[in-house]
Amino acid sequence: MISKPCLALPVAGALFAALPAVAQPMGGPQPIAGTRLDISAEGSVNRAPDIATISAGVVTQALSAADAMRQNASRMAATVAALKASGVADRDIQTASINLSPQYRYAENKAPEITGYQASNQVSVRFRDIKRAGAILDTLVKQGANQINGPVFSVEKADAVLDEARVAAVKAARARADLYAQAAGLRVKRIISISESQNYAPPPYPMAMMAARAEKAADTAIEPGEQKLSVSVAVSFELE
């Protein structure tokens, strides 16, 4: 009897060799055997802000563009010098904008006529000693700053404060999960997932304070108060 060659064996061997790799567990999330519970919780921390940011500027007008820019540069130089003399560091003074625009006179049935030019220069100033911010503002006005916006308060090392809020948020989520589990006659087995969103938003930027208003104030008071920094978390639990 002539035996037939077993041609299928090498192919079958290759298939069986490949099976363990396919059967290996994947690295994704494990299936949930119990009950899934989704919790949203917030953790917050209050802190007194330690930085005030103010926009200070000079607006000048003249018949020619060159004169408007020259006068503006001179008054802005005095403004910046006053800031530095008051103890504001170079790193805390940053030019925000420089603008030059023509001023027009409009008449009916006539083309607009240029009557002069307006130049403006704005700097963003950070005050690390908030208690001195009011006195510095008054000095700025005396030195020629005629447009002031702010202040906006912030916490310099906000990440460390937000870490405290994160811990509080997760603890709140776990406590709420334990409450639901106990009410349902179950217990929390494990955390499936955690995601977060930050809720910190600085207060709205106040409207401009013009020089005429500032000159009437003997001492400009700056009250920083407190800010709330918070984190919201969404946590999924498995109950059993």
C-alpha atoms as a PDB file:
ATOM      1  CA  MET A   1       0.000   0.000   0.000  1.00  0.00           C
ATOM      2  CA  ILE A   2       1.257   3.385  -0.914  1.00  0.00           C
ATOM      3  CA  SER A   3       0.867   5.953   1.864  1.00  0.00           C
ATOM      4  CA  LYS A   4      -0.185   9.439   0.951  1.00  0.00           C
ATOM      5  CA  PRO A   5       2.076  12.332   1.990  1.00  0.00           C
ATOM      6  CA  CYS A   6       0.766  14.306   4.953  1.00  0.00           C
ATOM      7  CA  LEU A   7       0.969  17.721   3.413  1.00  0.00           C
ATOM      8  CA  ALA A   8      -1.435  19.298   5.912  1.00  0.00           C
ATOM      9  CA  LEU A   9       0.786  18.820   8.964  1.00  0.00           C
ATOM     10  CA  PRO A  10       3.119  21.778   8.496  1.00  0.00           C
ATOM     11  CA  VAL A  11       0.144  24.089   7.923  1.00  0.00           C
ATOM     12  CA  ALA A  12      -1.675  22.797  10.991  1.00  0.00           C
ATOM     13  CA  GLY A  13       1.474  23.164  13.028  1.00  0.00           C
ATOM     14  CA  ALA A  14       1.760  26.788  11.931  1.00  0.00           C
ATOM     15  CA  LEU A  15      -1.846  27.436  12.906  1.00  0.00           C
ATOM     16  CA  PHE A  16      -1.414  25.932  16.365  1.00  0.00           C
ATOM     17  CA  ALA A  17       1.789  27.871  16.850  1.00  0.00           C
ATOM     18  CA  ALA A  18      -0.086  31.086  16.188  1.00  0.00           C
ATOM     19  CA  LEU A  19      -2.945  30.344  18.558  1.00  0.00           C
ATOM     20  CA  PRO A  20      -1.222  31.247  21.874  1.00  0.00           C
ATOM     21  CA  ALA A  21      -0.408  34.758  20.586  1.00  0.00           C
ATOM     22  CA  VAL A  22      -4.047  35.323  19.630  1.00  0.00           C
ATOM     23  CA  ALA A  23      -5.347  33.911  22.885  1.00  0.00           C
ATOM     24  CA  GLN A  24      -3.182  36.157  25.074  1.00  0.00           C
ATOM     25  CA  PRO A  25      -5.234  38.746  27.052  1.00  0.00           C
ATOM     26  CA  MET A  26      -5.174  42.255  25.644  1.00  0.00           C
ATOM     27  CA  GLY A  27      -4.037  45.261  27.687  1.00  0.00           C
ATOM     28  CA  GLY A  28      -7.398  47.093  27.654  1.00  0.00           C
ATOM     29  CA  PRO A  29      -9.810  47.515  30.566  1.00  0.00           C
ATOM     30  CA  GLN A  30     -11.078  44.335  32.169  1.00  0.00           C
ATOM     31  CA  PRO A  31     -14.790  43.542  31.804  1.00  0.00           C
ATOM     32  CA  ILE A  32     -17.068  44.570  34.643  1.00  0.00           C
ATOM     33  CA  ALA A  33     -18.646  41.663  36.471  1.00  0.00           C
ATOM     34  CA  GLY A  34     -20.621  43.714  38.971  1.00  0.00           C
ATOM     35  CA  THR A  35     -22.588  46.957  38.878  1.00  0.00           C
ATOM     36  CA  ARG A  36     -21.093  50.125  37.408  1.00  0.00           C
ATOM     37  CA  LEU A  37     -21.522  53.411  39.273  1.00  0.00           C
ATOM     38  CA  ASP A  38     -20.548  56.795  37.750  1.00  0.00           C
ATOM     39  CA  ILE A  39     -19.923  59.657  40.197  1.00  0.00           C
ATOM     40  CA  SER A  40     -19.161  63.339  39.579  1.00  0.00           C
ATOM     41  CA  ALA A  41     -17.595  65.270  42.451  1.00  0.00           C
ATOM     42  CA  GLU A  42     -15.812  68.565  43.041  1.00  0.00           C
ATOM     43  CA  GLY A  43     -12.939  69.531  45.284  1.00  0.00           C
ATOM     44  CA  SER A  44     -12.142  73.164  45.977  1.00  0.00           C
ATOM     45  CA  VAL A  45      -9.600  75.228  47.886  1.00  0.00           C
ATOM     46  CA  ASN A  46      -9.740  78.946  48.719  1.00  0.00           C
ATOM     47  CA  ARG A  47      -6.571  81.001  48.551  1.00  0.00           C
ATOM     48  CA  ALA A  48      -5.741  84.674  48.858  1.00  0.00           C
ATOM     49  CA  PRO A  49      -4.248  85.758  45.503  1.00  0.00           C
ATOM     50  CA  ASP A  50      -0.609  86.802  45.590  1.00  0.00           C
ATOM     51  CA  ILE A  51      -0.326  88.440  42.151  1.00  0.00           C
ATOM     52  CA  ALA A  52      -2.223  91.394  40.674  1.00  0.00           C
ATOM     53  CA  THR A  53      -1.955  92.119  36.947  1.00  0.00           C
ATOM     54  CA  ILE A  54      -2.737  95.612  35.688  1.00  0.00           C
ATOM     55  CA  SER A  55      -2.641  97.179  32.248  1.00  0.00           C
ATOM     56  CA  ALA A  56      -1.253 100.718  32.305  1.00  0.00           C
ATOM     57  CA  GLY A  57      -1.034 102.899  29.239  1.00  0.00           C
ATOM     58  CA  VAL A  58      -0.447 106.320  27.764  1.00  0.00           C
ATOM     59  CA  VAL A  59      -2.603 107.896  25.069  1.00  0.00           C
ATOM     60  CA  THR A  60      -1.335 111.033  23.290  1.00  0.00           C
ATOM     61  CA  GLN A  61      -2.622 113.143  20.417  1.00  0.00           C
ATOM     62  CA  ALA A  62      -0.773 115.501  18.059  1.00  0.00           C
ATOM     63  CA  LEU A  63      -1.084 117.029  14.617  1.00  0.00           C
ATOM     64  CA  SER A  64       1.573 114.758  13.127  1.00  0.00           C
ATOM     65  CA  ALA A  65       2.170 111.052  13.581  1.00  0.00           C
ATOM     66  CA  ALA A  66       5.794 111.665  14.572  1.00  0.00           C
ATOM     67  CA  ASP A  67       4.847 114.129  17.314  1.00  0.00           C
ATOM     68  CA  ALA A  68       2.163 111.794  18.666  1.00  0.00           C
ATOM     69  CA  MET A  69       4.642 108.908  18.873  1.00  0.00           C
ATOM     70  CA  ARG A  70       7.403 111.106  20.313  1.00  0.00           C
ATOM     71  CA  GLN A  71       5.202 112.458  23.103  1.00  0.00           C
ATOM     72  CA  ASN A  72       3.877 108.984  23.784  1.00  0.00           C
ATOM     73  CA  ALA A  73       7.333 107.456  24.010  1.00  0.00           C
ATOM     74  CA  SER A  74       8.472 110.168  26.426  1.00  0.00           C
ATOM     75  CA  ARG A  75       5.515 109.744  28.766  1.00  0.00           C
ATOM     76  CA  MET A  76       5.673 105.943  28.603  1.00  0.00           C
ATOM     77  CA  ALA A  77       9.373 106.032  29.477  1.00  0.00           C
ATOM     78  CA  ALA A  78       8.492 108.051  32.585  1.00  0.00           C
ATOM     79  CA  THR A  79       5.736 105.563  33.408  1.00  0.00           C
ATOM     80  CA  VAL A  80       8.051 102.543  33.139  1.00  0.00           C
ATOM     81  CA  ALA A  81      10.750 104.336  35.129  1.00  0.00           C
ATOM     82  CA  ALA A  82       8.208 104.998  37.892  1.00  0.00           C
ATOM     83  CA  LEU A  83       7.284 101.309  37.952  1.00  0.00           C
ATOM     84  CA  LYS A  84      10.894 100.224  38.294  1.00  0.00           C
ATOM     85  CA  ALA A  85      11.578 102.881  40.946  1.00  0.00           C
ATOM     86  CA  SER A  86       8.633 101.477  42.906  1.00  0.00           C
ATOM     87  CA  GLY A  87      10.249  98.048  42.992  1.00  0.00           C
ATOM     88  CA  VAL A  88       8.551  96.308  40.063  1.00  0.00           C
ATOM     89  CA  ALA A  89      11.024  93.883  38.449  1.00  0.00           C
ATOM     90  CA  ASP A  90      11.865  94.018  34.739  1.00  0.00           C
ATOM     91  CA  ARG A  91      10.376  90.546  34.211  1.00  0.00           C
ATOM     92  CA  ASP A  92       7.013  91.819  35.491  1.00  0.00           C
ATOM     93  CA  ILE A  93       6.731  94.646  32.913  1.00  0.00           C
ATOM     94  CA  GLN A  94       5.748  93.621  29.397  1.00  0.00           C
ATOM     95  CA  THR A  95       4.661  95.712  26.427  1.00  0.00           C
ATOM     96  CA  ALA A  96       1.116  94.683  25.520  1.00  0.00           C
ATOM     97  CA  SER A  97       0.373  96.911  22.526  1.00  0.00           C
ATOM     98  CA  ILE A  98       1.490  99.989  20.573  1.00  0.00           C
ATOM     99  CA  ASN A  99      -0.986 101.721  18.287  1.00  0.00           C
ATOM    100  CA  LEU A 100      -0.992 104.764  16.015  1.00  0.00           C
ATOM    101  CA  SER A 101      -4.184 105.851  14.268  1.00  0.00           C
ATOM    102  CA  PRO A 102      -5.290 108.945  12.347  1.00  0.00           C
ATOM    103  CA  GLN A 103      -8.101 111.120  13.669  1.00  0.00           C
ATOM    104  CA  TYR A 104     -10.705 112.242  11.140  1.00  0.00           C
ATOM    105  CA  ARG A 105     -13.198 115.051  10.754  1.00  0.00           C
ATOM    106  CA  TYR A 106     -16.330 114.047   8.919  1.00  0.00           C
ATOM    107  CA  ALA A 107     -18.594 116.389   6.972  1.00  0.00           C
ATOM    108  CA  GLU A 108     -21.581 115.706   4.803  1.00  0.00           C
ATOM    109  CA  ASN A 109     -20.791 115.097   1.132  1.00  0.00           C
ATOM    110  CA  LYS A 110     -17.075 115.446   1.794  1.00  0.00           C
ATOM    111  CA  ALA A 111     -14.240 112.975   2.088  1.00  0.00           C
ATOM    112  CA  PRO A 112     -12.972 112.437   5.657  1.00  0.00           C
ATOM    113  CA  GLU A 113     -10.185 114.861   6.562  1.00  0.00           C
ATOM    114  CA  ILE A 114      -7.281 113.874   8.824  1.00  0.00           C
ATOM    115  CA  THR A 115      -7.023 116.301  11.725  1.00  0.00           C
ATOM    116  CA  GLY A 116      -4.264 114.611  13.720  1.00  0.00           C
ATOM    117  CA  TYR A 117      -2.966 111.351  15.101  1.00  0.00           C
ATOM    118  CA  GLN A 118      -3.456 109.374  18.288  1.00  0.00           C
ATOM    119  CA  ALA A 119      -0.740 107.137  19.724  1.00  0.00           C
ATOM    120  CA  SER A 120      -1.195 104.639  22.526  1.00  0.00           C
ATOM    121  CA  ASN A 121       1.156 102.349  24.380  1.00  0.00           C
ATOM    122  CA  GLN A 122       0.046  99.711  26.882  1.00  0.00           C
ATOM    123  CA  VAL A 123       2.164  97.679  29.275  1.00  0.00           C
ATOM    124  CA  SER A 124       1.071  94.694  31.352  1.00  0.00           C
ATOM    125  CA  VAL A 125       2.363  94.931  34.916  1.00  0.00           C
ATOM    126  CA  ARG A 126       2.424  92.202  37.550  1.00  0.00           C
ATOM    127  CA  PHE A 127       2.488  93.230  41.205  1.00  0.00           C
ATOM    128  CA  ARG A 128       3.852  90.586  43.538  1.00  0.00           C
ATOM    129  CA  ASP A 129       3.334  92.820  46.563  1.00  0.00           C
ATOM    130  CA  ILE A 130      -0.385  93.457  46.221  1.00  0.00           C
ATOM    131  CA  LYS A 131      -0.492  95.743  49.240  1.00  0.00           C
ATOM    132  CA  ARG A 132       1.672  98.264  47.363  1.00  0.00           C
ATOM    133  CA  ALA A 133      -0.319  98.076  44.117  1.00  0.00           C
ATOM    134  CA  GLY A 134      -2.627 100.990  45.006  1.00  0.00           C
ATOM    135  CA  ALA A 135       0.237 103.355  45.806  1.00  0.00           C
ATOM    136  CA  ILE A 136       2.029 102.364  42.589  1.00  0.00           C
ATOM    137  CA  LEU A 137      -1.121 103.060  40.568  1.00  0.00           C
ATOM    138  CA  ASP A 138      -1.306 106.569  41.994  1.00  0.00           C
ATOM    139  CA  THR A 139       2.341 107.093  41.075  1.00  0.00           C
ATOM    140  CA  LEU A 140       1.685 105.938  37.522  1.00  0.00           C
ATOM    141  CA  VAL A 141      -1.055 108.513  37.072  1.00  0.00           C
ATOM    142  CA  LYS A 142       1.220 111.291  38.313  1.00  0.00           C
ATOM    143  CA  GLN A 143       3.857 110.204  35.791  1.00  0.00           C
ATOM    144  CA  GLY A 144       1.489 110.435  32.820  1.00  0.00           C
ATOM    145  CA  ALA A 145      -0.383 107.139  32.604  1.00  0.00           C
ATOM    146  CA  ASN A 146      -3.918 108.081  31.558  1.00  0.00           C
ATOM    147  CA  GLN A 147      -5.417 104.647  30.885  1.00  0.00           C
ATOM    148  CA  ILE A 148      -5.489 101.888  33.492  1.00  0.00           C
ATOM    149  CA  ASN A 149      -7.285  98.537  33.378  1.00  0.00           C
ATOM    150  CA  GLY A 150      -7.464  95.997  36.157  1.00  0.00           C
ATOM    151  CA  PRO A 151      -6.443  94.591  38.439  1.00  0.00           C
ATOM    152  CA  VAL A 152      -6.839  90.885  37.727  1.00  0.00           C
ATOM    153  CA  PHE A 153      -5.852  88.700  40.668  1.00  0.00           C
ATOM    154  CA  SER A 154      -4.279  85.261  40.450  1.00  0.00           C
ATOM    155  CA  VAL A 155      -2.449  82.639  42.501  1.00  0.00           C
ATOM    156  CA  GLU A 156       1.124  82.185  41.325  1.00  0.00           C
ATOM    157  CA  LYS A 157       1.601  78.531  42.338  1.00  0.00           C
ATOM    158  CA  ALA A 158      -1.869  77.380  41.343  1.00  0.00           C
ATOM    159  CA  ASP A 159      -0.773  73.815  40.465  1.00  0.00           C
ATOM    160  CA  ALA A 160       0.034  72.973  44.086  1.00  0.00           C
ATOM    161  CA  VAL A 161      -3.327  74.362  45.198  1.00  0.00           C
ATOM    162  CA  LEU A 162      -5.136  72.415  42.481  1.00  0.00           C
ATOM    163  CA  ASP A 163      -3.441  69.210  43.705  1.00  0.00           C
ATOM    164  CA  GLU A 164      -5.155  69.753  47.055  1.00  0.00           C
ATOM    165  CA  ALA A 165      -8.447  70.176  45.225  1.00  0.00           C
ATOM    166  CA  ARG A 166      -7.844  66.950  43.273  1.00  0.00           C
ATOM    167  CA  VAL A 167      -7.328  64.946  46.453  1.00  0.00           C
ATOM    168  CA  ALA A 168     -10.487  66.444  47.952  1.00  0.00           C
ATOM    169  CA  ALA A 169     -12.477  65.660  44.784  1.00  0.00           C
ATOM    170  CA  VAL A 170     -11.443  61.993  44.705  1.00  0.00           C
ATOM    171  CA  LYS A 171     -12.198  61.602  48.420  1.00  0.00           C
ATOM    172  CA  ALA A 172     -15.636  63.131  47.863  1.00  0.00           C
ATOM    173  CA  ALA A 173     -16.304  60.771  44.948  1.00  0.00           C
ATOM    174  CA  ARG A 174     -15.257  57.729  46.976  1.00  0.00           C
ATOM    175  CA  ALA A 175     -17.398  58.766  49.950  1.00  0.00           C
ATOM    176  CA  ARG A 176     -20.419  59.180  47.670  1.00  0.00           C
ATOM    177  CA  ALA A 177     -19.755  55.804  46.024  1.00  0.00           C
ATOM    178  CA  ASP A 178     -19.629  54.140  49.452  1.00  0.00           C
ATOM    179  CA  LEU A 179     -22.955  55.775  50.301  1.00  0.00           C
ATOM    180  CA  TYR A 180     -24.648  54.492  47.144  1.00  0.00           C
ATOM    181  CA  ALA A 181     -23.127  51.037  47.558  1.00  0.00           C
ATOM    182  CA  GLN A 182     -24.324  50.775  51.172  1.00  0.00           C
ATOM    183  CA  ALA A 183     -27.823  51.905  50.178  1.00  0.00           C
ATOM    184  CA  ALA A 184     -27.899  49.226  47.474  1.00  0.00           C
ATOM    185  CA  GLY A 185     -26.547  46.490  49.747  1.00  0.00           C
ATOM    186  CA  LEU A 186     -23.268  46.325  47.849  1.00  0.00           C
ATOM    187  CA  ARG A 187     -19.675  47.381  48.346  1.00  0.00           C
ATOM    188  CA  VAL A 188     -17.119  49.244  46.217  1.00  0.00           C
ATOM    189  CA  LYS A 189     -14.795  46.748  44.573  1.00  0.00           C
ATOM    190  CA  ARG A 190     -12.535  49.021  42.522  1.00  0.00           C
ATOM    191  CA  ILE A 191     -12.182  52.237  40.541  1.00  0.00           C
ATOM    192  CA  ILE A 192     -12.560  51.734  36.805  1.00  0.00           C
ATOM    193  CA  SER A 193     -11.624  55.206  35.519  1.00  0.00           C
ATOM    194  CA  ILE A 194     -10.990  58.803  36.617  1.00  0.00           C
ATOM    195  CA  SER A 195     -11.155  61.967  34.517  1.00  0.00           C
ATOM    196  CA  GLU A 196     -10.998  65.611  35.572  1.00  0.00           C
ATOM    197  CA  SER A 197     -11.817  69.134  34.501  1.00  0.00           C
ATOM    198  CA  GLN A 198     -10.572  72.351  36.115  1.00  0.00           C
ATOM    199  CA  ASN A 199     -13.106  74.981  37.090  1.00  0.00           C
ATOM    200  CA  TYR A 200     -10.712  77.811  37.937  1.00  0.00           C
ATOM    201  CA  ALA A 201     -11.605  81.057  36.211  1.00  0.00           C
ATOM    202  CA  PRO A 202     -10.154  84.475  37.119  1.00  0.00           C
ATOM    203  CA  PRO A 203     -12.630  87.244  37.865  1.00  0.00           C
ATOM    204  CA  PRO A 204     -13.731  89.405  34.917  1.00  0.00           C
ATOM    205  CA  TYR A 205     -11.393  92.177  33.864  1.00  0.00           C
ATOM    206  CA  PRO A 206     -12.637  95.476  35.316  1.00  0.00           C
ATOM    207  CA  MET A 207     -13.320  98.423  33.045  1.00  0.00           C
ATOM    208  CA  ALA A 208     -10.740 101.089  32.419  1.00  0.00           C
ATOM    209  CA  MET A 209     -10.059 103.694  35.069  1.00  0.00           C
ATOM    210  CA  MET A 210      -9.149 106.965  33.432  1.00  0.00           C
ATOM    211  CA  ALA A 211      -6.690 109.447  34.911  1.00  0.00           C
ATOM    212  CA  ALA A 212      -9.350 112.050  35.740  1.00  0.00           C
ATOM    213  CA  ARG A 213     -10.998 109.593  38.086  1.00  0.00           C
ATOM    214  CA  ALA A 214      -7.759 108.348  39.604  1.00  0.00           C
ATOM    215  CA  GLU A 215      -6.471 111.837  40.368  1.00  0.00           C
ATOM    216  CA  LYS A 216      -9.387 112.464  42.731  1.00  0.00           C
ATOM    217  CA  ALA A 217      -8.493 109.483  44.895  1.00  0.00           C
ATOM    218  CA  ALA A 218      -6.079 110.147  47.732  1.00  0.00           C
ATOM    219  CA  ASP A 219      -5.045 106.486  47.918  1.00  0.00           C
ATOM    220  CA  THR A 220      -6.281 103.816  45.537  1.00  0.00           C
ATOM    221  CA  ALA A 221      -7.289 100.796  47.614  1.00  0.00           C
ATOM    222  CA  ILE A 222      -6.664  97.283  46.263  1.00  0.00           C
ATOM    223  CA  GLU A 223      -8.571  94.493  48.027  1.00  0.00           C
ATOM    224  CA  PRO A 224      -7.600  91.025  46.705  1.00  0.00           C
ATOM    225  CA  GLY A 225     -10.043  88.973  48.799  1.00  0.00           C
ATOM    226  CA  GLU A 226      -9.971  85.216  48.141  1.00  0.00           C
ATOM    227  CA  GLN A 227     -10.239  83.024  45.066  1.00  0.00           C
ATOM    228  CA  LYS A 228     -11.765  79.584  44.731  1.00  0.00           C
ATOM    229  CA  LEU A 229      -9.727  77.041  42.775  1.00  0.00           C
ATOM    230  CA  SER A 230     -11.641  73.839  42.080  1.00  0.00           C
ATOM    231  CA  VAL A 231     -11.402  70.579  40.167  1.00  0.00           C
ATOM    232  CA  SER A 232     -14.265  68.359  39.031  1.00  0.00           C
ATOM    233  CA  VAL A 233     -13.701  64.633  38.619  1.00  0.00           C
ATOM    234  CA  ALA A 234     -15.771  61.918  36.996  1.00  0.00           C
ATOM    235  CA  VAL A 235     -15.055  58.551  38.618  1.00  0.00           C
ATOM    236  CA  SER A 236     -16.441  55.176  37.576  1.00  0.00           C
ATOM    237  CA  PHE A 237     -16.637  52.446  40.224  1.00  0.00           C
ATOM    238  CA  GLU A 238     -17.434  48.751  40.121  1.00  0.00           C
ATOM    239  CA  LEU A 239     -19.780  47.573  42.874  1.00  0.00           C
ATOM    240  CA  GLU A 240     -20.245  43.981  43.989  1.00  0.00           C
END
